[in-house]
Amino acid sequence: MDDPLHHPLEHRTLPRLVRELDAAGVPLLDAGIRPPTLDDVFLRLTGESADSEERAA
């Protein structure tokens, strides 16, 4: 399954992406890798944002 929250080679993917953007002349102000938040995990498991639960109540 393709998981947008986790890539097994993310530590290698970001530097490659930054190099490719630089080579293409695309300005980049910031880039980083962060661990998923609880909201990210909830969305992944339920398919809905945690905020949608609050709005429905």
C-alpha atoms as a PDB file:
ATOM      1  CA  MET A   1       0.000   0.000   0.000  1.00  0.00           C
ATOM      2  CA  ASP A   2       1.247   3.476  -0.828  1.00  0.00           C
ATOM      3  CA  ASP A   3       1.389   5.417   2.446  1.00  0.00           C
ATOM      4  CA  PRO A   4       1.792   9.208   2.092  1.00  0.00           C
ATOM      5  CA  LEU A   5       2.632   9.496   5.800  1.00  0.00           C
ATOM      6  CA  HIS A   6       5.596   7.167   5.765  1.00  0.00           C
ATOM      7  CA  HIS A   7       8.146   6.188   3.205  1.00  0.00           C
ATOM      8  CA  PRO A   8      10.722   3.553   4.168  1.00  0.00           C
ATOM      9  CA  LEU A   9      13.505   5.552   2.506  1.00  0.00           C
ATOM     10  CA  GLU A  10      12.326   9.033   3.528  1.00  0.00           C
ATOM     11  CA  HIS A  11      15.785   9.888   4.873  1.00  0.00           C
ATOM     12  CA  ARG A  12      17.120   9.337   1.347  1.00  0.00           C
ATOM     13  CA  THR A  13      14.154  10.771  -0.544  1.00  0.00           C
ATOM     14  CA  LEU A  14      14.240  14.327   0.828  1.00  0.00           C
ATOM     15  CA  PRO A  15      17.839  15.103  -0.170  1.00  0.00           C
ATOM     16  CA  ARG A  16      17.183  13.733  -3.659  1.00  0.00           C
ATOM     17  CA  LEU A  17      14.037  15.847  -3.963  1.00  0.00           C
ATOM     18  CA  VAL A  18      15.886  18.980  -2.845  1.00  0.00           C
ATOM     19  CA  ARG A  19      18.646  18.330  -5.412  1.00  0.00           C
ATOM     20  CA  GLU A  20      16.111  17.803  -8.196  1.00  0.00           C
ATOM     21  CA  LEU A  21      14.221  20.985  -7.318  1.00  0.00           C
ATOM     22  CA  ASP A  22      17.500  22.932  -7.228  1.00  0.00           C
ATOM     23  CA  ALA A  23      18.533  21.511 -10.596  1.00  0.00           C
ATOM     24  CA  ALA A  24      15.159  22.544 -12.037  1.00  0.00           C
ATOM     25  CA  GLY A  25      15.601  26.085 -10.699  1.00  0.00           C
ATOM     26  CA  VAL A  26      12.700  25.790  -8.259  1.00  0.00           C
ATOM     27  CA  PRO A  27      13.284  27.989  -5.214  1.00  0.00           C
ATOM     28  CA  LEU A  28      12.848  26.158  -1.934  1.00  0.00           C
ATOM     29  CA  LEU A  29      12.508  28.017   1.353  1.00  0.00           C
ATOM     30  CA  ASP A  30      12.259  25.049   3.708  1.00  0.00           C
ATOM     31  CA  ALA A  31      12.008  21.275   3.694  1.00  0.00           C
ATOM     32  CA  GLY A  32      11.931  18.686   6.407  1.00  0.00           C
ATOM     33  CA  ILE A  33      10.739  15.339   7.643  1.00  0.00           C
ATOM     34  CA  ARG A  34       8.555  15.080  10.701  1.00  0.00           C
ATOM     35  CA  PRO A  35       7.022  12.151  12.503  1.00  0.00           C
ATOM     36  CA  PRO A  36       3.269  11.765  12.047  1.00  0.00           C
ATOM     37  CA  THR A  37       1.035  13.525  14.557  1.00  0.00           C
ATOM     38  CA  LEU A  38      -1.863  11.853  16.360  1.00  0.00           C
ATOM     39  CA  ASP A  39      -4.164  13.642  13.900  1.00  0.00           C
ATOM     40  CA  ASP A  40      -2.225  12.100  10.983  1.00  0.00           C
ATOM     41  CA  VAL A  41      -2.586   8.627  12.509  1.00  0.00           C
ATOM     42  CA  PHE A  42      -6.312   9.137  13.203  1.00  0.00           C
ATOM     43  CA  LEU A  43      -6.879  10.228   9.606  1.00  0.00           C
ATOM     44  CA  ARG A  44      -4.931   7.232   8.308  1.00  0.00           C
ATOM     45  CA  LEU A  45      -6.868   4.761  10.454  1.00  0.00           C
ATOM     46  CA  THR A  46     -10.369   6.219  10.117  1.00  0.00           C
ATOM     47  CA  GLY A  47     -10.252   8.084   6.825  1.00  0.00           C
ATOM     48  CA  GLU A  48     -11.669  11.147   8.569  1.00  0.00           C
ATOM     49  CA  SER A  49     -10.097  14.147  10.226  1.00  0.00           C
ATOM     50  CA  ALA A  50     -10.413  14.368  14.014  1.00  0.00           C
ATOM     51  CA  ASP A  51     -11.985  17.804  13.463  1.00  0.00           C
ATOM     52  CA  SER A  52     -14.864  16.228  11.528  1.00  0.00           C
ATOM     53  CA  GLU A  53     -15.839  14.313  14.694  1.00  0.00           C
ATOM     54  CA  GLU A  54     -16.120  17.581  16.634  1.00  0.00           C
ATOM     55  CA  ARG A  55     -18.218  19.231  13.908  1.00  0.00           C
ATOM     56  CA  ALA A  56     -20.609  16.267  13.750  1.00  0.00           C
ATOM     57  CA  ALA A  57     -21.260  16.345  17.506  1.00  0.00           C
END
